[in-house]
Amino acid sequence: MEARILIADRNPAVTLVIRRHFESAGHDVDVVHDGLDALEMGSTGSYDLAFIDHFLPTVLGAEVIQTWTENGVDLPTIIVSTLNDESMIVRCLELGAADFIRKPFNTAELDVRAQIHLTRAAAGA
């Protein structure tokens, strides 16, 4: 299943790894490096899945997700971050994040979690 994926991370090396991985699997991937761009692009409704770093410049990942949720944007979003504050992780999930993956990550975990959320979204769950 080909999907449109948005990746928002402040670190170009991280976005390159994720981008190459999902493009090699046949997905269409867009990359941004700040929260304001993520907020704008994700609001278009043209993405099937987003990977968002919490520590984005301009607008934090939690704020991006909160704004999307408040505006009715239905975009399964996986936080991929070095965030270790359990209360903030829970807060991101409460605000609408579909999942959370800690950095450093492995691409096998990204695959499995992406597939879970893409399948749920396709089923309307």
PDB file of N, CA and C in Angstrom:
ATOM      1  N   MET A   1       0.843  -1.171   0.000  1.00  0.00           N
ATOM      2  CA  MET A   1       0.000   0.000   0.000  1.00  0.00           C
ATOM      3  C   MET A   1       0.895   1.243   0.000  1.00  0.00           C
ATOM      4  N   GLU A   2       0.791   2.042  -1.052  1.00  0.00           N
ATOM      5  CA  GLU A   2       1.561   3.280  -1.122  1.00  0.00           C
ATOM      6  C   GLU A   2       0.878   4.349  -0.292  1.00  0.00           C
ATOM      7  N   ALA A   3       1.662   5.068   0.488  1.00  0.00           N
ATOM      8  CA  ALA A   3       1.111   6.112   1.357  1.00  0.00           C
ATOM      9  C   ALA A   3       1.880   7.411   1.159  1.00  0.00           C
ATOM     10  N   ARG A   4       1.216   8.512   1.501  1.00  0.00           N
ATOM     11  CA  ARG A   4       1.875   9.820   1.553  1.00  0.00           C
ATOM     12  C   ARG A   4       2.260  10.052   3.003  1.00  0.00           C
ATOM     13  N   ILE A   5       3.549  10.287   3.211  1.00  0.00           N
ATOM     14  CA  ILE A   5       4.089  10.409   4.561  1.00  0.00           C
ATOM     15  C   ILE A   5       4.757  11.767   4.721  1.00  0.00           C
ATOM     16  N   LEU A   6       4.465  12.414   5.842  1.00  0.00           N
ATOM     17  CA  LEU A   6       5.110  13.664   6.219  1.00  0.00           C
ATOM     18  C   LEU A   6       6.101  13.380   7.340  1.00  0.00           C
ATOM     19  N   ILE A   7       7.327  13.848   7.174  1.00  0.00           N
ATOM     20  CA  ILE A   7       8.351  13.711   8.205  1.00  0.00           C
ATOM     21  C   ILE A   7       8.757  15.111   8.639  1.00  0.00           C
ATOM     22  N   ALA A   8       8.701  15.363   9.952  1.00  0.00           N
ATOM     23  CA  ALA A   8       9.123  16.658  10.499  1.00  0.00           C
ATOM     24  C   ALA A   8      10.126  16.400  11.620  1.00  0.00           C
ATOM     25  N   ASP A   9      11.365  16.761  11.364  1.00  0.00           N
ATOM     26  CA  ASP A   9      12.419  16.574  12.362  1.00  0.00           C
ATOM     27  C   ASP A   9      13.462  17.663  12.156  1.00  0.00           C
ATOM     28  N   ARG A  10      13.999  18.177  13.230  1.00  0.00           N
ATOM     29  CA  ARG A  10      14.985  19.251  13.155  1.00  0.00           C
ATOM     30  C   ARG A  10      16.332  18.759  12.639  1.00  0.00           C
ATOM     31  N   ASN A  11      16.559  17.460  12.666  1.00  0.00           N
ATOM     32  CA  ASN A  11      17.834  16.878  12.289  1.00  0.00           C
ATOM     33  C   ASN A  11      17.776  16.312  10.860  1.00  0.00           C
ATOM     34  N   PRO A  12      18.474  16.944   9.915  1.00  0.00           N
ATOM     35  CA  PRO A  12      18.450  16.456   8.529  1.00  0.00           C
ATOM     36  C   PRO A  12      18.927  15.013   8.376  1.00  0.00           C
ATOM     37  N   ALA A  13      19.835  14.552   9.229  1.00  0.00           N
ATOM     38  CA  ALA A  13      20.299  13.163   9.136  1.00  0.00           C
ATOM     39  C   ALA A  13      19.173  12.184   9.463  1.00  0.00           C
ATOM     40  N   VAL A  14      18.366  12.526  10.450  1.00  0.00           N
ATOM     41  CA  VAL A  14      17.233  11.671  10.828  1.00  0.00           C
ATOM     42  C   VAL A  14      16.203  11.639   9.698  1.00  0.00           C
ATOM     43  N   THR A  15      15.876  12.811   9.167  1.00  0.00           N
ATOM     44  CA  THR A  15      14.872  12.838   8.090  1.00  0.00           C
ATOM     45  C   THR A  15      15.369  12.082   6.865  1.00  0.00           C
ATOM     46  N   LEU A  16      16.665  12.150   6.588  1.00  0.00           N
ATOM     47  CA  LEU A  16      17.224  11.435   5.436  1.00  0.00           C
ATOM     48  C   LEU A  16      17.063   9.921   5.606  1.00  0.00           C
ATOM     49  N   VAL A  17      17.352   9.404   6.793  1.00  0.00           N
ATOM     50  CA  VAL A  17      17.211   7.966   7.045  1.00  0.00           C
ATOM     51  C   VAL A  17      15.757   7.536   6.869  1.00  0.00           C
ATOM     52  N   ILE A  18      14.836   8.270   7.488  1.00  0.00           N
ATOM     53  CA  ILE A  18      13.423   7.894   7.410  1.00  0.00           C
ATOM     54  C   ILE A  18      12.910   8.043   5.980  1.00  0.00           C
ATOM     55  N   ARG A  19      13.275   9.145   5.342  1.00  0.00           N
ATOM     56  CA  ARG A  19      12.821   9.394   3.966  1.00  0.00           C
ATOM     57  C   ARG A  19      13.278   8.272   3.034  1.00  0.00           C
ATOM     58  N   ARG A  20      14.566   7.984   3.040  1.00  0.00           N
ATOM     59  CA  ARG A  20      15.093   6.941   2.147  1.00  0.00           C
ATOM     60  C   ARG A  20      14.437   5.596   2.410  1.00  0.00           C
ATOM     61  N   HIS A  21      14.238   5.297   3.672  1.00  0.00           N
ATOM     62  CA  HIS A  21      13.642   4.016   4.031  1.00  0.00           C
ATOM     63  C   HIS A  21      12.229   3.875   3.446  1.00  0.00           C
ATOM     64  N   PHE A  22      11.400   4.890   3.640  1.00  0.00           N
ATOM     65  CA  PHE A  22      10.016   4.786   3.165  1.00  0.00           C
ATOM     66  C   PHE A  22       9.887   5.009   1.663  1.00  0.00           C
ATOM     67  N   GLU A  23      10.747   5.810   1.077  1.00  0.00           N
ATOM     68  CA  GLU A  23      10.725   5.948  -0.388  1.00  0.00           C
ATOM     69  C   GLU A  23      11.134   4.631  -1.057  1.00  0.00           C
ATOM     70  N   SER A  24      12.098   3.925  -0.471  1.00  0.00           N
ATOM     71  CA  SER A  24      12.512   2.641  -1.049  1.00  0.00           C
ATOM     72  C   SER A  24      11.394   1.601  -0.982  1.00  0.00           C
ATOM     73  N   ALA A  25      10.449   1.816  -0.079  1.00  0.00           N
ATOM     74  CA  ALA A  25       9.285   0.921   0.040  1.00  0.00           C
ATOM     75  C   ALA A  25       8.133   1.390  -0.858  1.00  0.00           C
ATOM     76  N   GLY A  26       8.353   2.459  -1.631  1.00  0.00           N
ATOM     77  CA  GLY A  26       7.345   2.913  -2.588  1.00  0.00           C
ATOM     78  C   GLY A  26       6.418   4.002  -2.099  1.00  0.00           C
ATOM     79  N   HIS A  27       6.718   4.590  -0.963  1.00  0.00           N
ATOM     80  CA  HIS A  27       5.865   5.643  -0.421  1.00  0.00           C
ATOM     81  C   HIS A  27       6.318   7.017  -0.917  1.00  0.00           C
ATOM     82  N   ASP A  28       5.390   7.947  -0.947  1.00  0.00           N
ATOM     83  CA  ASP A  28       5.659   9.336  -1.301  1.00  0.00           C
ATOM     84  C   ASP A  28       5.928  10.091  -0.007  1.00  0.00           C
ATOM     85  N   VAL A  29       7.101  10.700   0.110  1.00  0.00           N
ATOM     86  CA  VAL A  29       7.526  11.296   1.376  1.00  0.00           C
ATOM     87  C   VAL A  29       7.879  12.769   1.202  1.00  0.00           C
ATOM     88  N   ASP A  30       7.382  13.599   2.113  1.00  0.00           N
ATOM     89  CA  ASP A  30       7.766  15.006   2.187  1.00  0.00           C
ATOM     90  C   ASP A  30       8.434  15.242   3.527  1.00  0.00           C
ATOM     91  N   VAL A  31       9.415  16.145   3.536  1.00  0.00           N
ATOM     92  CA  VAL A  31      10.195  16.427   4.731  1.00  0.00           C
ATOM     93  C   VAL A  31      10.179  17.917   5.029  1.00  0.00           C
ATOM     94  N   VAL A  32      10.019  18.245   6.315  1.00  0.00           N
ATOM     95  CA  VAL A  32      10.173  19.617   6.802  1.00  0.00           C
ATOM     96  C   VAL A  32      11.028  19.565   8.059  1.00  0.00           C
ATOM     97  N   HIS A  33      11.589  20.721   8.412  1.00  0.00           N
ATOM     98  CA  HIS A  33      12.496  20.754   9.551  1.00  0.00           C
ATOM     99  C   HIS A  33      12.039  21.697  10.651  1.00  0.00           C
ATOM    100  N   ASP A  34      10.811  22.211  10.556  1.00  0.00           N
ATOM    101  CA  ASP A  34      10.325  23.060  11.651  1.00  0.00           C
ATOM    102  C   ASP A  34       8.834  22.875  11.843  1.00  0.00           C
ATOM    103  N   GLY A  35       8.388  23.225  13.045  1.00  0.00           N
ATOM    104  CA  GLY A  35       7.011  22.976  13.441  1.00  0.00           C
ATOM    105  C   GLY A  35       5.984  23.753  12.653  1.00  0.00           C
ATOM    106  N   LEU A  36       6.298  24.969  12.277  1.00  0.00           N
ATOM    107  CA  LEU A  36       5.346  25.777  11.514  1.00  0.00           C
ATOM    108  C   LEU A  36       5.085  25.153  10.148  1.00  0.00           C
ATOM    109  N   ASP A  37       6.150  24.682   9.482  1.00  0.00           N
ATOM    110  CA  ASP A  37       5.974  24.000   8.195  1.00  0.00           C
ATOM    111  C   ASP A  37       5.203  22.697   8.365  1.00  0.00           C
ATOM    112  N   ALA A  38       5.498  21.960   9.433  1.00  0.00           N
ATOM    113  CA  ALA A  38       4.771  20.711   9.699  1.00  0.00           C
ATOM    114  C   ALA A  38       3.292  20.991   9.904  1.00  0.00           C
ATOM    115  N   LEU A  39       3.001  22.021  10.685  1.00  0.00           N
ATOM    116  CA  LEU A  39       1.619  22.401  10.961  1.00  0.00           C
ATOM    117  C   LEU A  39       0.874  22.707   9.669  1.00  0.00           C
ATOM    118  N   GLU A  40       1.498  23.497   8.818  1.00  0.00           N
ATOM    119  CA  GLU A  40       0.880  23.892   7.550  1.00  0.00           C
ATOM    120  C   GLU A  40       0.699  22.708   6.606  1.00  0.00           C
ATOM    121  N   MET A  41       1.751  21.935   6.407  1.00  0.00           N
ATOM    122  CA  MET A  41       1.668  20.823   5.450  1.00  0.00           C
ATOM    123  C   MET A  41       0.703  19.738   5.924  1.00  0.00           C
ATOM    124  N   GLY A  42       0.744  19.418   7.212  1.00  0.00           N
ATOM    125  CA  GLY A  42      -0.151  18.392   7.737  1.00  0.00           C
ATOM    126  C   GLY A  42      -1.608  18.795   7.704  1.00  0.00           C
ATOM    127  N   SER A  43      -1.863  20.090   7.707  1.00  0.00           N
ATOM    128  CA  SER A  43      -3.237  20.601   7.686  1.00  0.00           C
ATOM    129  C   SER A  43      -3.905  20.475   6.319  1.00  0.00           C
ATOM    130  N   THR A  44      -3.146  20.121   5.290  1.00  0.00           N
ATOM    131  CA  THR A  44      -3.709  20.027   3.943  1.00  0.00           C
ATOM    132  C   THR A  44      -4.628  18.830   3.779  1.00  0.00           C
ATOM    133  N   GLY A  45      -4.477  17.838   4.643  1.00  0.00           N
ATOM    134  CA  GLY A  45      -5.309  16.642   4.525  1.00  0.00           C
ATOM    135  C   GLY A  45      -4.819  15.671   3.470  1.00  0.00           C
ATOM    136  N   SER A  46      -3.623  15.898   2.936  1.00  0.00           N
ATOM    137  CA  SER A  46      -3.146  15.041   1.849  1.00  0.00           C
ATOM    138  C   SER A  46      -2.163  13.962   2.295  1.00  0.00           C
ATOM    139  N   TYR A  47      -2.009  13.788   3.598  1.00  0.00           N
ATOM    140  CA  TYR A  47      -1.072  12.784   4.106  1.00  0.00           C
ATOM    141  C   TYR A  47      -1.812  11.648   4.796  1.00  0.00           C
ATOM    142  N   ASP A  48      -1.191  10.466   4.724  1.00  0.00           N
ATOM    143  CA  ASP A  48      -1.748   9.276   5.365  1.00  0.00           C
ATOM    144  C   ASP A  48      -1.116   9.001   6.721  1.00  0.00           C
ATOM    145  N   LEU A  49       0.096   9.551   6.937  1.00  0.00           N
ATOM    146  CA  LEU A  49       0.845   9.291   8.159  1.00  0.00           C
ATOM    147  C   LEU A  49       1.890  10.382   8.332  1.00  0.00           C
ATOM    148  N   ALA A  50       2.169  10.726   9.591  1.00  0.00           N
ATOM    149  CA  ALA A  50       3.226  11.694   9.882  1.00  0.00           C
ATOM    150  C   ALA A  50       4.141  11.159  10.970  1.00  0.00           C
ATOM    151  N   PHE A  51       5.425  11.418  10.800  1.00  0.00           N
ATOM    152  CA  PHE A  51       6.430  11.195  11.835  1.00  0.00           C
ATOM    153  C   PHE A  51       6.891  12.573  12.268  1.00  0.00           C
ATOM    154  N   ILE A  52       6.706  12.904  13.540  1.00  0.00           N
ATOM    155  CA  ILE A  52       6.995  14.248  14.040  1.00  0.00           C
ATOM    156  C   ILE A  52       7.939  14.169  15.243  1.00  0.00           C
ATOM    157  N   ASP A  53       9.004  14.962  15.200  1.00  0.00           N
ATOM    158  CA  ASP A  53       9.876  15.121  16.359  1.00  0.00           C
ATOM    159  C   ASP A  53       9.203  16.093  17.317  1.00  0.00           C
ATOM    160  N   HIS A  54       9.274  15.846  18.602  1.00  0.00           N
ATOM    161  CA  HIS A  54       8.676  16.775  19.554  1.00  0.00           C
ATOM    162  C   HIS A  54       9.434  18.098  19.601  1.00  0.00           C
ATOM    163  N   PHE A  55      10.756  18.035  19.498  1.00  0.00           N
ATOM    164  CA  PHE A  55      11.593  19.225  19.663  1.00  0.00           C
ATOM    165  C   PHE A  55      11.827  19.953  18.338  1.00  0.00           C
ATOM    166  N   LEU A  56      10.759  20.344  17.679  1.00  0.00           N
ATOM    167  CA  LEU A  56      10.869  21.102  16.426  1.00  0.00           C
ATOM    168  C   LEU A  56      11.063  22.581  16.709  1.00  0.00           C
ATOM    169  N   PRO A  57      11.838  23.268  15.878  1.00  0.00           N
ATOM    170  CA  PRO A  57      11.920  24.727  16.009  1.00  0.00           C
ATOM    171  C   PRO A  57      10.579  25.376  15.671  1.00  0.00           C
ATOM    172  N   THR A  58      10.316  26.508  16.169  1.00  0.00           N
ATOM    173  CA  THR A  58       9.140  27.385  15.975  1.00  0.00           C
ATOM    174  C   THR A  58       7.883  26.895  16.675  1.00  0.00           C
ATOM    175  N   VAL A  59       7.520  25.628  16.493  1.00  0.00           N
ATOM    176  CA  VAL A  59       6.326  25.062  17.131  1.00  0.00           C
ATOM    177  C   VAL A  59       6.670  23.631  17.555  1.00  0.00           C
ATOM    178  N   LEU A  60       6.522  23.322  18.836  1.00  0.00           N
ATOM    179  CA  LEU A  60       6.813  21.971  19.318  1.00  0.00           C
ATOM    180  C   LEU A  60       5.867  20.943  18.714  1.00  0.00           C
ATOM    181  N   GLY A  61       6.346  19.710  18.613  1.00  0.00           N
ATOM    182  CA  GLY A  61       5.526  18.638  18.049  1.00  0.00           C
ATOM    183  C   GLY A  61       4.187  18.471  18.748  1.00  0.00           C
ATOM    184  N   ALA A  62       4.167  18.579  20.076  1.00  0.00           N
ATOM    185  CA  ALA A  62       2.901  18.460  20.814  1.00  0.00           C
ATOM    186  C   ALA A  62       1.922  19.550  20.404  1.00  0.00           C
ATOM    187  N   GLU A  63       2.421  20.746  20.167  1.00  0.00           N
ATOM    188  CA  GLU A  63       1.556  21.852  19.742  1.00  0.00           C
ATOM    189  C   GLU A  63       1.039  21.638  18.329  1.00  0.00           C
ATOM    190  N   VAL A  64       1.864  21.061  17.472  1.00  0.00           N
ATOM    191  CA  VAL A  64       1.427  20.733  16.106  1.00  0.00           C
ATOM    192  C   VAL A  64       0.257  19.761  16.175  1.00  0.00           C
ATOM    193  N   ILE A  65       0.435  18.694  16.951  1.00  0.00           N
ATOM    194  CA  ILE A  65      -0.616  17.679  17.078  1.00  0.00           C
ATOM    195  C   ILE A  65      -1.878  18.268  17.702  1.00  0.00           C
ATOM    196  N   GLN A  66      -1.712  19.073  18.722  1.00  0.00           N
ATOM    197  CA  GLN A  66      -2.869  19.693  19.371  1.00  0.00           C
ATOM    198  C   GLN A  66      -3.643  20.566  18.383  1.00  0.00           C
ATOM    199  N   THR A  67      -2.942  21.345  17.594  1.00  0.00           N
ATOM    200  CA  THR A  67      -3.609  22.213  16.618  1.00  0.00           C
ATOM    201  C   THR A  67      -4.318  21.387  15.561  1.00  0.00           C
ATOM    202  N   TRP A  68      -3.661  20.337  15.054  1.00  0.00           N
ATOM    203  CA  TRP A  68      -4.317  19.476  14.082  1.00  0.00           C
ATOM    204  C   TRP A  68      -5.598  18.890  14.668  1.00  0.00           C
ATOM    205  N   THR A  69      -5.520  18.392  15.892  1.00  0.00           N
ATOM    206  CA  THR A  69      -6.679  17.780  16.537  1.00  0.00           C
ATOM    207  C   THR A  69      -7.806  18.798  16.699  1.00  0.00           C
ATOM    208  N   GLU A  70      -7.465  19.986  17.184  1.00  0.00           N
ATOM    209  CA  GLU A  70      -8.470  21.043  17.375  1.00  0.00           C
ATOM    210  C   GLU A  70      -9.128  21.458  16.063  1.00  0.00           C
ATOM    211  N   ASN A  71      -8.383  21.360  14.954  1.00  0.00           N
ATOM    212  CA  ASN A  71      -8.906  21.761  13.646  1.00  0.00           C
ATOM    213  C   ASN A  71      -9.507  20.591  12.866  1.00  0.00           C
ATOM    214  N   GLY A  72      -9.635  19.437  13.517  1.00  0.00           N
ATOM    215  CA  GLY A  72     -10.273  18.294  12.878  1.00  0.00           C
ATOM    216  C   GLY A  72      -9.411  17.582  11.844  1.00  0.00           C
ATOM    217  N   VAL A  73      -8.116  17.799  11.875  1.00  0.00           N
ATOM    218  CA  VAL A  73      -7.207  17.104  10.952  1.00  0.00           C
ATOM    219  C   VAL A  73      -7.025  15.679  11.461  1.00  0.00           C
ATOM    220  N   ASP A  74      -7.412  14.722  10.632  1.00  0.00           N
ATOM    221  CA  ASP A  74      -7.320  13.309  11.005  1.00  0.00           C
ATOM    222  C   ASP A  74      -6.076  12.718  10.354  1.00  0.00           C
ATOM    223  N   LEU A  75      -4.942  12.868  11.028  1.00  0.00           N
ATOM    224  CA  LEU A  75      -3.662  12.416  10.495  1.00  0.00           C
ATOM    225  C   LEU A  75      -2.953  11.578  11.551  1.00  0.00           C
ATOM    226  N   PRO A  76      -2.897  10.251  11.352  1.00  0.00           N
ATOM    227  CA  PRO A  76      -2.164   9.425  12.315  1.00  0.00           C
ATOM    228  C   PRO A  76      -0.727   9.937  12.425  1.00  0.00           C
ATOM    229  N   THR A  77      -0.318  10.270  13.633  1.00  0.00           N
ATOM    230  CA  THR A  77       0.986  10.885  13.849  1.00  0.00           C
ATOM    231  C   THR A  77       1.778  10.093  14.881  1.00  0.00           C
ATOM    232  N   ILE A  78       3.003   9.774  14.497  1.00  0.00           N
ATOM    233  CA  ILE A  78       3.911   9.066  15.388  1.00  0.00           C
ATOM    234  C   ILE A  78       5.000  10.039  15.806  1.00  0.00           C
ATOM    235  N   ILE A  79       5.102  10.271  17.109  1.00  0.00           N
ATOM    236  CA  ILE A  79       6.176  11.105  17.638  1.00  0.00           C
ATOM    237  C   ILE A  79       7.448  10.256  17.651  1.00  0.00           C
ATOM    238  N   VAL A  80       8.511  10.778  17.051  1.00  0.00           N
ATOM    239  CA  VAL A  80       9.822  10.126  17.068  1.00  0.00           C
ATOM    240  C   VAL A  80      10.767  11.127  17.713  1.00  0.00           C
ATOM    241  N   SER A  81      11.179  10.845  18.945  1.00  0.00           N
ATOM    242  CA  SER A  81      11.880  11.880  19.697  1.00  0.00           C
ATOM    243  C   SER A  81      12.797  11.318  20.768  1.00  0.00           C
ATOM    244  N   THR A  82      13.697  12.171  21.226  1.00  0.00           N
ATOM    245  CA  THR A  82      14.560  11.858  22.364  1.00  0.00           C
ATOM    246  C   THR A  82      13.864  12.175  23.682  1.00  0.00           C
ATOM    247  N   LEU A  83      12.635  12.634  23.609  1.00  0.00           N
ATOM    248  CA  LEU A  83      11.870  13.012  24.797  1.00  0.00           C
ATOM    249  C   LEU A  83      11.850  11.865  25.805  1.00  0.00           C
ATOM    250  N   ASN A  84      12.254  12.148  27.031  1.00  0.00           N
ATOM    251  CA  ASN A  84      12.265  11.136  28.089  1.00  0.00           C
ATOM    252  C   ASN A  84      11.311  11.464  29.228  1.00  0.00           C
ATOM    253  N   ASP A  85      10.628  12.552  29.146  1.00  0.00           N
ATOM    254  CA  ASP A  85       9.692  12.978  30.178  1.00  0.00           C
ATOM    255  C   ASP A  85       8.374  12.216  29.983  1.00  0.00           C
ATOM    256  N   GLU A  86       8.144  11.226  30.844  1.00  0.00           N
ATOM    257  CA  GLU A  86       6.956  10.372  30.701  1.00  0.00           C
ATOM    258  C   GLU A  86       5.657  11.175  30.681  1.00  0.00           C
ATOM    259  N   SER A  87       5.572  12.211  31.492  1.00  0.00           N
ATOM    260  CA  SER A  87       4.336  13.003  31.515  1.00  0.00           C
ATOM    261  C   SER A  87       4.128  13.729  30.190  1.00  0.00           C
ATOM    262  N   MET A  88       5.216  14.147  29.527  1.00  0.00           N
ATOM    263  CA  MET A  88       5.080  14.821  28.237  1.00  0.00           C
ATOM    264  C   MET A  88       4.732  13.825  27.141  1.00  0.00           C
ATOM    265  N   ILE A  89       5.273  12.627  27.240  1.00  0.00           N
ATOM    266  CA  ILE A  89       4.913  11.581  26.278  1.00  0.00           C
ATOM    267  C   ILE A  89       3.421  11.281  26.387  1.00  0.00           C
ATOM    268  N   VAL A  90       2.939  11.122  27.603  1.00  0.00           N
ATOM    269  CA  VAL A  90       1.514  10.884  27.824  1.00  0.00           C
ATOM    270  C   VAL A  90       0.704  12.060  27.290  1.00  0.00           C
ATOM    271  N   ARG A  91       1.182  13.268  27.519  1.00  0.00           N
ATOM    272  CA  ARG A  91       0.487  14.474  27.036  1.00  0.00           C
ATOM    273  C   ARG A  91       0.393  14.462  25.508  1.00  0.00           C
ATOM    274  N   CYS A  92       1.469  14.096  24.826  1.00  0.00           N
ATOM    275  CA  CYS A  92       1.438  14.014  23.360  1.00  0.00           C
ATOM    276  C   CYS A  92       0.373  13.015  22.892  1.00  0.00           C
ATOM    277  N   LEU A  93       0.308  11.885  23.574  1.00  0.00           N
ATOM    278  CA  LEU A  93      -0.696  10.878  23.230  1.00  0.00           C
ATOM    279  C   LEU A  93      -2.107  11.392  23.505  1.00  0.00           C
ATOM    280  N   GLU A  94      -2.287  12.083  24.624  1.00  0.00           N
ATOM    281  CA  GLU A  94      -3.598  12.657  24.949  1.00  0.00           C
ATOM    282  C   GLU A  94      -4.017  13.720  23.936  1.00  0.00           C
ATOM    283  N   LEU A  95      -3.048  14.436  23.398  1.00  0.00           N
ATOM    284  CA  LEU A  95      -3.353  15.492  22.425  1.00  0.00           C
ATOM    285  C   LEU A  95      -3.703  14.942  21.055  1.00  0.00           C
ATOM    286  N   GLY A  96      -3.432  13.655  20.831  1.00  0.00           N
ATOM    287  CA  GLY A  96      -3.820  13.063  19.560  1.00  0.00           C
ATOM    288  C   GLY A  96      -2.755  12.277  18.838  1.00  0.00           C
ATOM    289  N   ALA A  97      -1.533  12.211  19.369  1.00  0.00           N
ATOM    290  CA  ALA A  97      -0.513  11.373  18.731  1.00  0.00           C
ATOM    291  C   ALA A  97      -0.980   9.922  18.754  1.00  0.00           C
ATOM    292  N   ALA A  98      -0.754   9.229  17.666  1.00  0.00           N
ATOM    293  CA  ALA A  98      -1.166   7.835  17.576  1.00  0.00           C
ATOM    294  C   ALA A  98      -0.165   6.895  18.243  1.00  0.00           C
ATOM    295  N   ASP A  99       1.097   7.365  18.340  1.00  0.00           N
ATOM    296  CA  ASP A  99       2.139   6.479  18.845  1.00  0.00           C
ATOM    297  C   ASP A  99       3.366   7.303  19.213  1.00  0.00           C
ATOM    298  N   PHE A 100       4.328   6.656  19.854  1.00  0.00           N
ATOM    299  CA  PHE A 100       5.566   7.312  20.262  1.00  0.00           C
ATOM    300  C   PHE A 100       6.717   6.332  20.106  1.00  0.00           C
ATOM    301  N   ILE A 101       7.793   6.771  19.454  1.00  0.00           N
ATOM    302  CA  ILE A 101       9.004   5.966  19.299  1.00  0.00           C
ATOM    303  C   ILE A 101      10.175   6.803  19.802  1.00  0.00           C
ATOM    304  N   ARG A 102      10.980   6.194  20.665  1.00  0.00           N
ATOM    305  CA  ARG A 102      12.155   6.909  21.181  1.00  0.00           C
ATOM    306  C   ARG A 102      13.334   6.796  20.225  1.00  0.00           C
ATOM    307  N   LYS A 103      14.075   7.896  20.082  1.00  0.00           N
ATOM    308  CA  LYS A 103      15.345   7.868  19.362  1.00  0.00           C
ATOM    309  C   LYS A 103      16.411   7.371  20.338  1.00  0.00           C
ATOM    310  N   PRO A 104      17.375   6.618  19.881  1.00  0.00           N
ATOM    311  CA  PRO A 104      17.530   6.148  18.506  1.00  0.00           C
ATOM    312  C   PRO A 104      16.527   5.036  18.211  1.00  0.00           C
ATOM    313  N   PHE A 105      16.119   4.940  16.992  1.00  0.00           N
ATOM    314  CA  PHE A 105      15.117   3.964  16.564  1.00  0.00           C
ATOM    315  C   PHE A 105      15.746   3.027  15.545  1.00  0.00           C
ATOM    316  N   ASN A 106      15.031   1.956  15.247  1.00  0.00           N
ATOM    317  CA  ASN A 106      15.458   1.109  14.132  1.00  0.00           C
ATOM    318  C   ASN A 106      14.330   1.114  13.095  1.00  0.00           C
ATOM    319  N   THR A 107      14.698   0.922  11.856  1.00  0.00           N
ATOM    320  CA  THR A 107      13.713   1.033  10.781  1.00  0.00           C
ATOM    321  C   THR A 107      12.676  -0.091  10.824  1.00  0.00           C
ATOM    322  N   ALA A 108      13.031  -1.233  11.397  1.00  0.00           N
ATOM    323  CA  ALA A 108      12.045  -2.314  11.523  1.00  0.00           C
ATOM    324  C   ALA A 108      10.890  -1.878  12.410  1.00  0.00           C
ATOM    325  N   GLU A 109      11.203  -1.180  13.505  1.00  0.00           N
ATOM    326  CA  GLU A 109      10.149  -0.673  14.383  1.00  0.00           C
ATOM    327  C   GLU A 109       9.316   0.386  13.665  1.00  0.00           C
ATOM    328  N   LEU A 110       9.969   1.276  12.915  1.00  0.00           N
ATOM    329  CA  LEU A 110       9.222   2.279  12.145  1.00  0.00           C
ATOM    330  C   LEU A 110       8.251   1.600  11.188  1.00  0.00           C
ATOM    331  N   ASP A 111       8.725   0.571  10.503  1.00  0.00           N
ATOM    332  CA  ASP A 111       7.881  -0.167   9.551  1.00  0.00           C
ATOM    333  C   ASP A 111       6.632  -0.740  10.209  1.00  0.00           C
ATOM    334  N   VAL A 112       6.846  -1.450  11.302  1.00  0.00           N
ATOM    335  CA  VAL A 112       5.732  -2.125  11.970  1.00  0.00           C
ATOM    336  C   VAL A 112       4.714  -1.109  12.459  1.00  0.00           C
ATOM    337  N   ARG A 113       5.185  -0.076  13.116  1.00  0.00           N
ATOM    338  CA  ARG A 113       4.252   0.921  13.643  1.00  0.00           C
ATOM    339  C   ARG A 113       3.560   1.690  12.521  1.00  0.00           C
ATOM    340  N   ALA A 114       4.292   2.016  11.470  1.00  0.00           N
ATOM    341  CA  ALA A 114       3.675   2.702  10.330  1.00  0.00           C
ATOM    342  C   ALA A 114       2.580   1.827   9.724  1.00  0.00           C
ATOM    343  N   GLN A 115       2.879   0.547   9.527  1.00  0.00           N
ATOM    344  CA  GLN A 115       1.901  -0.357   8.928  1.00  0.00           C
ATOM    345  C   GLN A 115       0.650  -0.490   9.793  1.00  0.00           C
ATOM    346  N   ILE A 116       0.822  -0.554  11.095  1.00  0.00           N
ATOM    347  CA  ILE A 116      -0.322  -0.633  12.008  1.00  0.00           C
ATOM    348  C   ILE A 116      -1.239   0.570  11.811  1.00  0.00           C
ATOM    349  N   HIS A 117      -0.660   1.757  11.801  1.00  0.00           N
ATOM    350  CA  HIS A 117      -1.478   2.964  11.713  1.00  0.00           C
ATOM    351  C   HIS A 117      -2.046   3.202  10.325  1.00  0.00           C
ATOM    352  N   LEU A 118      -1.310   2.822   9.285  1.00  0.00           N
ATOM    353  CA  LEU A 118      -1.848   2.937   7.923  1.00  0.00           C
ATOM    354  C   LEU A 118      -3.004   1.964   7.717  1.00  0.00           C
ATOM    355  N   THR A 119      -2.869   0.755   8.256  1.00  0.00           N
ATOM    356  CA  THR A 119      -3.938  -0.240   8.133  1.00  0.00           C
ATOM    357  C   THR A 119      -5.193   0.224   8.889  1.00  0.00           C
ATOM    358  N   ARG A 120      -5.009   0.742  10.099  1.00  0.00           N
ATOM    359  CA  ARG A 120      -6.143   1.251  10.871  1.00  0.00           C
ATOM    360  C   ARG A 120      -6.839   2.394  10.135  1.00  0.00           C
ATOM    361  N   ALA A 121      -6.035   3.310   9.592  1.00  0.00           N
ATOM    362  CA  ALA A 121      -6.607   4.460   8.882  1.00  0.00           C
ATOM    363  C   ALA A 121      -7.374   4.015   7.643  1.00  0.00           C
ATOM    364  N   ALA A 122      -6.830   3.032   6.920  1.00  0.00           N
ATOM    365  CA  ALA A 122      -7.501   2.525   5.724  1.00  0.00           C
ATOM    366  C   ALA A 122      -8.810   1.823   6.066  1.00  0.00           C
ATOM    367  N   ALA A 123      -8.850   1.196   7.247  1.00  0.00           N
ATOM    368  CA  ALA A 123     -10.058   0.495   7.686  1.00  0.00           C
ATOM    369  C   ALA A 123     -11.077   1.431   8.306  1.00  0.00           C
ATOM    370  N   GLY A 124     -10.682   2.694   8.506  1.00  0.00           N
ATOM    371  CA  GLY A 124     -11.588   3.657   9.096  1.00  0.00           C
ATOM    372  C   GLY A 124     -11.682   3.563  10.607  1.00  0.00           C
ATOM    373  N   ALA A 125     -10.690   2.914  11.221  1.00  0.00           N
ATOM    374  CA  ALA A 125     -10.710   2.737  12.684  1.00  0.00           C
ATOM    375  C   ALA A 125     -10.137   3.928  13.397  1.00  0.00           C
TER     376      ALA A 125
END
